[in-house]
Amino acid sequence: MRILSTIIFIIMLLVNLNAQIENVDDLFSEFSNDECPGTSVLVSINGQIVFEKSYGFANLEEKKRVETKTNFRLASVTKQFTAASILILIQKELLKLDTKLTDIFEEFPDYGKKITIKNLLNHTSGLIDYEDLIPDTATIQVKDADVLLMMYQQSSTYFEPGNQFKYSNTGYALLALIVERISGQKFAQFLSENIFQPLEMNSTVAHEEGISIVENRAYGYSRADSGWARKDQSITSAVLGDGGIYSNVEDLFKWDQSHYTNKILSDEIRNEAMTRAVLNGGEKIYYGYGWHLKNYKDNEVVYHTGSTEGFRNVVYRVPSKKFSVIILTNRNEGEPEKLADKIFGIYCEE
């Protein structure tokens, strides 16, 4: 009787797992069209991959399909790596959260005396958006160093640092430059030596045109009258600190799992990075250091989306359940965060 009960339990478990896989698969049916850009999806629970599948094309012109090793431009998902780089320097006691911009860049205008590393990490600096300072006639891509020069030409911020939350790509471009200034290494090299190589994220790269190569690259697309048009780069695509990393779901799974160890960051500093920051007035915001935070159906979710020319992505984590979803897409539409919410419901509510 005990053997029979065990067999019945295993059968029921397998039936449930198959149903979950089918339900997740159904969410991505629109990506299965033979003439559309694609997506790569990975779901893990307790360190085990329970769903991993790719759909559509990485390169429509050459008919190259998306695979789990296909590398997508992460866009703002990059920010968690930029933040981690800063936190590594803090762990090494080479930097402090209360270090001021003017302590690092002596030429920085006086308004930088009130802006700390912490303000940059949690988007409370009030720095002017560099995107709004780029001339409409510009044709050469902006880089991180150009962002710093733009800030040198400003005389104030949107608000007193620490008083408000305002999402800032400017802040993360400056953080990449701070990593370079403090470490003496190029930002891409620092990432490689301190995060990617230790975690064996062998396909991940902070892409610099003419310097590095993105293997198995997915190109971005936007809808056009005739179907899809490749639209992969913008005037800001060469800025590394706010969105310049390319990676795939397999490498990002290694990154996800590293957060359950001290291999890159200590428990103390990682927990602080994934805790809601507090404004000067005492109000908590829904952002830590390189991570958004939200409550979804009574579960604390730590995540970051990435949206840029031709790409929409999310890395979505529920640490209390050791549950993660990684969705990378090479199309200029869609809401991966909402898909991740639905996947969480499929696996953790049924």
Protein backbone atom coordinates (compact mmCIF):
# COMPACT_ATOMS: atom_id res chain seq x y z
CA MET A 1 0.00 0.00 0.00
CA ARG A 2 2.84 2.40 0.85
CA ILE A 3 4.50 1.71 -2.53
CA LEU A 4 1.20 2.35 -4.33
CA SER A 5 0.72 5.64 -2.47
CA THR A 6 4.23 6.71 -3.43
CA ILE A 7 3.60 5.87 -7.09
CA ILE A 8 0.33 7.83 -7.07
CA PHE A 9 2.08 10.82 -5.46
CA ILE A 10 4.83 10.78 -8.08
CA ILE A 11 2.30 10.57 -10.91
CA MET A 12 0.33 13.50 -9.49
CA LEU A 13 3.53 15.50 -9.09
CA LEU A 14 4.55 14.86 -12.69
CA VAL A 15 1.09 15.78 -13.95
CA ASN A 16 1.25 19.05 -12.00
CA LEU A 17 4.74 19.84 -13.30
CA ASN A 18 3.67 19.21 -16.88
CA ALA A 19 0.65 21.46 -16.40
CA GLN A 20 2.87 24.23 -15.05
CA ILE A 21 5.20 23.93 -18.02
CA GLU A 22 2.29 24.07 -20.45
CA ASN A 23 0.83 27.12 -18.69
CA VAL A 24 4.13 28.99 -18.87
CA ASP A 25 4.59 27.94 -22.48
CA ASP A 26 1.17 29.38 -23.34
CA LEU A 27 2.24 32.81 -22.07
CA PHE A 28 4.82 33.01 -24.85
CA SER A 29 2.70 31.74 -27.74
CA GLU A 30 3.04 35.06 -29.60
CA PHE A 31 6.80 34.53 -29.77
CA SER A 32 6.40 31.23 -31.61
CA ASN A 33 5.62 32.85 -34.95
CA ASP A 34 8.25 31.92 -37.51
CA GLU A 35 8.68 35.53 -38.59
CA CYS A 36 9.12 37.38 -35.30
CA PRO A 37 11.84 38.39 -32.82
CA GLY A 38 12.13 36.10 -29.87
CA THR A 39 12.62 35.57 -26.18
CA SER A 40 14.54 33.36 -23.80
CA VAL A 41 12.94 32.33 -20.50
CA LEU A 42 14.27 30.60 -17.39
CA VAL A 43 12.42 29.77 -14.18
CA SER A 44 14.11 28.34 -11.09
CA ILE A 45 12.97 27.17 -7.66
CA ASN A 46 15.36 26.23 -4.84
CA GLY A 47 18.32 26.40 -7.18
CA GLN A 48 16.77 24.01 -9.72
CA ILE A 49 15.74 25.09 -13.22
CA VAL A 50 12.10 24.07 -13.69
CA PHE A 51 11.51 25.81 -17.03
CA GLU A 52 13.97 26.89 -19.70
CA LYS A 53 12.92 27.60 -23.26
CA SER A 54 13.58 29.97 -26.13
CA TYR A 55 11.28 31.19 -28.88
CA GLY A 56 11.51 33.14 -32.13
CA PHE A 57 14.55 34.66 -33.80
CA ALA A 58 17.67 36.41 -32.57
CA ASN A 59 18.48 37.53 -36.10
CA LEU A 60 15.56 37.71 -38.53
CA GLU A 61 17.69 38.55 -41.55
CA GLU A 62 19.86 35.45 -41.14
CA LYS A 63 17.08 33.29 -39.66
CA LYS A 64 19.05 32.55 -36.50
CA ARG A 65 16.80 31.29 -33.76
CA VAL A 66 17.01 32.33 -30.12
CA GLU A 67 18.71 29.77 -27.88
CA THR A 68 19.31 29.75 -24.13
CA LYS A 69 22.88 30.88 -24.87
CA THR A 70 21.70 33.83 -26.99
CA ASN A 71 22.97 37.13 -25.57
CA PHE A 72 20.55 40.04 -25.29
CA ARG A 73 21.25 43.66 -24.44
CA LEU A 74 20.18 43.88 -20.78
CA ALA A 75 19.43 47.62 -20.78
CA SER A 76 18.68 48.72 -17.19
CA VAL A 77 19.04 45.18 -15.83
CA THR A 78 22.70 46.26 -16.07
CA LYS A 79 22.19 48.52 -13.05
CA GLN A 80 22.33 45.62 -10.58
CA PHE A 81 25.86 44.86 -11.83
CA THR A 82 26.92 48.51 -11.70
CA ALA A 83 25.63 48.72 -8.13
CA ALA A 84 27.37 45.46 -7.21
CA SER A 85 30.66 46.84 -8.56
CA ILE A 86 30.37 49.83 -6.24
CA LEU A 87 29.48 47.57 -3.31
CA ILE A 88 32.54 45.42 -4.01
CA LEU A 89 34.70 48.53 -3.68
CA ILE A 90 32.92 49.38 -0.42
CA GLN A 91 33.60 45.84 0.87
CA LYS A 92 37.26 46.41 0.06
CA GLU A 93 37.09 49.68 2.03
CA LEU A 94 38.09 51.68 -1.03
CA LEU A 95 34.86 53.64 -1.02
CA LYS A 96 32.04 54.60 1.36
CA LEU A 97 28.33 55.10 0.85
CA ASP A 98 28.64 58.66 2.12
CA THR A 99 31.53 59.55 -0.21
CA LYS A 100 30.63 62.73 -2.10
CA LEU A 101 30.87 63.26 -5.85
CA THR A 102 33.36 66.06 -5.26
CA ASP A 103 35.58 63.68 -3.27
CA ILE A 104 36.05 61.63 -6.43
CA PHE A 105 35.82 64.20 -9.20
CA GLU A 106 37.63 67.31 -7.96
CA GLU A 107 36.45 69.30 -10.98
CA PHE A 108 32.80 68.59 -10.22
CA PRO A 109 30.68 71.73 -9.59
CA ASP A 110 29.76 72.67 -6.03
CA TYR A 111 26.31 71.09 -6.25
CA GLY A 112 28.10 67.71 -6.17
CA LYS A 113 29.18 68.33 -2.56
CA LYS A 114 25.74 67.19 -1.41
CA ILE A 115 25.48 64.11 -3.63
CA THR A 116 26.70 60.82 -2.13
CA ILE A 117 27.37 57.38 -3.55
CA LYS A 118 24.21 56.24 -1.78
CA ASN A 119 22.19 58.94 -3.58
CA LEU A 120 23.48 57.66 -6.91
CA LEU A 121 22.72 54.03 -6.05
CA ASN A 122 19.12 54.62 -4.98
CA HIS A 123 18.18 57.35 -7.48
CA THR A 124 17.83 60.17 -4.96
CA SER A 125 20.59 62.40 -6.33
CA GLY A 126 18.37 64.75 -8.32
CA LEU A 127 20.96 64.87 -11.12
CA ILE A 128 19.78 66.25 -14.45
CA ASP A 129 18.84 63.53 -16.97
CA TYR A 130 21.66 63.42 -19.48
CA GLU A 131 19.27 62.25 -22.20
CA ASP A 132 17.61 65.68 -22.09
CA LEU A 133 20.95 67.40 -22.65
CA ILE A 134 21.84 65.63 -25.89
CA PRO A 135 21.33 67.93 -28.90
CA ASP A 136 18.69 66.79 -31.39
CA THR A 137 21.33 67.06 -34.10
CA ALA A 138 23.76 64.66 -32.37
CA THR A 139 24.82 61.65 -34.44
CA ILE A 140 27.73 60.24 -32.41
CA GLN A 141 26.79 57.92 -29.54
CA VAL A 142 27.18 59.30 -26.04
CA LYS A 143 29.51 57.48 -23.62
CA ASP A 144 29.80 57.50 -19.83
CA ALA A 145 32.60 60.08 -19.90
CA ASP A 146 30.39 62.40 -21.96
CA VAL A 147 27.74 62.21 -19.25
CA LEU A 148 30.27 63.45 -16.69
CA LEU A 149 31.18 66.38 -18.92
CA MET A 150 27.50 67.25 -19.23
CA MET A 151 27.20 67.30 -15.44
CA TYR A 152 30.21 69.62 -15.21
CA GLN A 153 28.20 72.11 -17.23
CA GLN A 154 25.21 72.06 -14.85
CA SER A 155 24.82 74.23 -11.78
CA SER A 156 22.01 72.54 -9.86
CA THR A 157 19.87 69.43 -9.42
CA TYR A 158 16.15 68.76 -9.80
CA PHE A 159 15.79 68.68 -6.00
CA GLU A 160 17.85 68.54 -2.81
CA PRO A 161 19.68 65.19 -2.83
CA GLY A 162 17.89 62.63 -0.68
CA ASN A 163 14.56 64.44 -0.67
CA GLN A 164 12.94 62.58 -3.56
CA PHE A 165 13.22 59.50 -5.76
CA LYS A 166 13.75 60.13 -9.47
CA TYR A 167 15.04 57.31 -11.64
CA SER A 168 18.39 58.43 -13.00
CA ASN A 169 20.44 56.93 -15.80
CA THR A 170 22.85 59.80 -15.19
CA GLY A 171 23.63 58.49 -11.71
CA TYR A 172 24.51 55.03 -12.99
CA ALA A 173 26.74 56.37 -15.77
CA LEU A 174 28.64 58.26 -13.06
CA LEU A 175 28.83 55.14 -10.89
CA ALA A 176 30.60 53.30 -13.72
CA LEU A 177 33.12 56.14 -13.92
CA ILE A 178 33.58 56.02 -10.15
CA VAL A 179 34.42 52.31 -10.42
CA GLU A 180 37.07 53.23 -12.99
CA ARG A 181 38.47 56.10 -10.94
CA ILE A 182 38.73 54.09 -7.71
CA SER A 183 39.84 50.73 -9.15
CA GLY A 184 42.14 52.04 -11.86
CA GLN A 185 40.50 49.65 -14.32
CA LYS A 186 38.12 50.11 -17.21
CA PHE A 187 34.57 49.42 -16.09
CA ALA A 188 34.16 46.48 -18.48
CA GLN A 189 37.38 44.93 -17.17
CA PHE A 190 36.35 45.41 -13.54
CA LEU A 191 33.03 43.69 -14.19
CA SER A 192 34.75 40.80 -15.92
CA GLU A 193 37.39 40.23 -13.24
CA ASN A 194 35.20 40.78 -10.17
CA ILE A 195 31.81 39.37 -11.19
CA PHE A 196 31.64 37.59 -14.54
CA GLN A 197 34.79 35.45 -14.27
CA PRO A 198 34.29 34.39 -10.62
CA LEU A 199 30.75 33.25 -11.46
CA GLU A 200 31.78 31.67 -14.79
CA MET A 201 29.42 33.98 -16.66
CA ASN A 202 31.55 33.31 -19.70
CA SER A 203 29.26 34.86 -22.31
CA THR A 204 28.46 38.08 -20.46
CA VAL A 205 30.16 41.31 -21.51
CA ALA A 206 29.87 45.07 -21.07
CA HIS A 207 29.93 45.74 -24.78
CA GLU A 208 32.25 48.36 -26.26
CA GLU A 209 32.04 48.72 -30.03
CA GLY A 210 35.38 47.92 -31.64
CA ILE A 211 36.80 46.53 -28.38
CA SER A 212 34.62 43.59 -27.36
CA ILE A 213 32.47 41.13 -29.29
CA VAL A 214 29.03 39.84 -28.34
CA GLU A 215 28.89 36.16 -29.27
CA ASN A 216 25.50 34.62 -30.12
CA ARG A 217 24.04 38.10 -30.27
CA ALA A 218 20.34 38.90 -30.44
CA TYR A 219 19.52 42.03 -32.42
CA GLY A 220 16.67 44.31 -31.43
CA TYR A 221 13.58 44.90 -33.56
CA SER A 222 10.56 47.19 -33.72
CA ARG A 223 7.28 46.67 -35.52
CA ALA A 224 7.09 48.10 -39.02
CA ASP A 225 4.42 48.19 -41.73
CA SER A 226 6.03 45.20 -43.41
CA GLY A 227 6.57 43.21 -40.20
CA TRP A 228 9.69 43.87 -38.15
CA ALA A 229 12.57 46.29 -38.69
CA ARG A 230 15.96 45.99 -37.01
CA LYS A 231 16.35 48.90 -34.62
CA ASP A 232 19.12 47.94 -32.29
CA GLN A 233 20.99 51.09 -31.31
CA SER A 234 20.22 54.61 -30.12
CA ILE A 235 22.28 57.69 -29.32
CA THR A 236 22.66 56.42 -25.71
CA SER A 237 23.49 52.76 -26.44
CA ALA A 238 27.23 53.19 -25.80
CA VAL A 239 26.74 54.26 -22.16
CA LEU A 240 27.81 51.24 -20.09
CA GLY A 241 26.87 52.03 -16.50
CA ASP A 242 23.15 52.41 -17.05
CA GLY A 243 22.53 49.66 -19.61
CA GLY A 244 25.48 48.35 -21.62
CA ILE A 245 25.77 44.68 -20.61
CA TYR A 246 24.85 41.74 -22.86
CA SER A 247 24.05 38.38 -21.29
CA ASN A 248 21.89 35.26 -21.55
CA VAL A 249 19.52 33.40 -19.24
CA GLU A 250 22.09 30.74 -18.33
CA ASP A 251 24.66 33.28 -17.18
CA LEU A 252 22.02 35.32 -15.37
CA PHE A 253 20.92 32.19 -13.51
CA LYS A 254 24.48 31.92 -12.15
CA TRP A 255 24.25 35.56 -11.07
CA ASP A 256 20.87 34.91 -9.43
CA GLN A 257 22.19 31.95 -7.47
CA SER A 258 25.22 33.91 -6.28
CA HIS A 259 22.87 35.96 -4.10
CA TYR A 260 22.40 32.93 -1.86
CA THR A 261 26.17 32.86 -1.20
CA ASN A 262 28.91 35.30 -0.20
CA LYS A 263 30.94 34.73 -3.34
CA ILE A 264 30.48 38.28 -4.64
CA LEU A 265 28.77 40.25 -1.87
CA SER A 266 28.51 39.65 1.87
CA ASP A 267 25.11 38.95 3.41
CA GLU A 268 25.14 42.32 5.15
CA ILE A 269 25.80 44.47 2.12
CA ARG A 270 23.59 42.37 -0.18
CA ASN A 271 20.67 42.65 2.23
CA GLU A 272 21.13 46.42 2.36
CA ALA A 273 21.13 46.54 -1.44
CA MET A 274 17.77 44.75 -1.45
CA THR A 275 16.18 46.90 1.25
CA ARG A 276 13.99 49.93 0.55
CA ALA A 277 15.97 53.13 0.82
CA VAL A 278 14.75 55.95 3.07
CA LEU A 279 14.38 59.58 2.01
CA ASN A 280 15.51 62.49 4.17
CA GLY A 281 11.95 62.89 5.43
CA GLY A 282 11.71 59.25 6.55
CA GLU A 283 9.63 57.92 3.64
CA LYS A 284 10.65 54.53 2.27
CA ILE A 285 11.00 54.16 -1.49
CA TYR A 286 10.64 51.06 -3.63
CA TYR A 287 14.30 50.87 -4.63
CA GLY A 288 17.52 49.69 -3.02
CA TYR A 289 20.92 49.66 -4.72
CA GLY A 290 20.35 48.55 -8.31
CA TRP A 291 17.11 46.71 -7.48
CA HIS A 292 13.43 47.63 -7.56
CA LEU A 293 11.36 46.25 -4.70
CA LYS A 294 7.64 45.53 -4.54
CA ASN A 295 5.11 43.43 -2.68
CA TYR A 296 3.21 41.03 -4.91
CA LYS A 297 0.50 38.90 -3.33
CA ASP A 298 2.14 39.18 0.11
CA ASN A 299 5.59 38.30 -1.22
CA GLU A 300 8.58 40.64 -1.36
CA VAL A 301 9.85 40.75 -4.93
CA VAL A 302 13.32 42.03 -5.83
CA TYR A 303 13.63 42.75 -9.54
CA HIS A 304 14.82 44.99 -12.31
CA THR A 305 13.42 45.57 -15.76
CA GLY A 306 15.39 46.68 -18.78
CA SER A 307 13.94 48.63 -21.67
CA THR A 308 15.88 50.12 -24.58
CA GLU A 309 15.88 50.26 -28.36
CA GLY A 310 14.72 46.80 -29.43
CA PHE A 311 14.85 45.02 -26.05
CA ARG A 312 12.54 44.36 -23.06
CA ASN A 313 13.83 42.27 -20.13
CA VAL A 314 13.37 41.39 -16.48
CA VAL A 315 15.28 39.60 -13.72
CA TYR A 316 12.66 38.81 -11.08
CA ARG A 317 13.41 37.25 -7.69
CA VAL A 318 11.34 36.16 -4.68
CA PRO A 319 14.10 35.37 -2.17
CA SER A 320 11.77 33.99 0.52
CA LYS A 321 10.75 31.20 -1.87
CA LYS A 322 14.09 30.98 -3.70
CA PHE A 323 12.07 31.58 -6.84
CA SER A 324 13.38 33.41 -9.89
CA VAL A 325 12.26 34.30 -13.41
CA ILE A 326 14.54 35.62 -16.14
CA ILE A 327 12.95 36.89 -19.36
CA LEU A 328 14.98 38.42 -22.18
CA THR A 329 13.33 39.67 -25.40
CA ASN A 330 14.58 41.40 -28.54
CA ARG A 331 11.52 43.40 -29.49
CA ASN A 332 10.46 46.96 -28.78
CA GLU A 333 7.26 46.00 -26.94
CA GLY A 334 5.86 43.85 -24.18
CA GLU A 335 5.95 43.85 -20.37
CA PRO A 336 8.18 41.04 -19.08
CA GLU A 337 7.54 42.06 -15.47
CA LYS A 338 3.83 41.23 -15.83
CA LEU A 339 4.71 37.92 -17.45
CA ALA A 340 7.00 37.16 -14.50
CA ASP A 341 4.13 37.95 -12.10
CA LYS A 342 1.98 35.42 -13.96
CA ILE A 343 4.71 32.79 -13.88
CA PHE A 344 5.08 33.30 -10.13
CA GLY A 345 1.34 32.65 -9.83
CA ILE A 346 1.59 29.45 -11.87
CA TYR A 347 4.34 27.94 -9.73
CA CYS A 348 3.75 29.38 -6.29
CA GLU A 349 -0.03 29.67 -6.00
CA GLU A 350 -1.22 26.38 -7.44
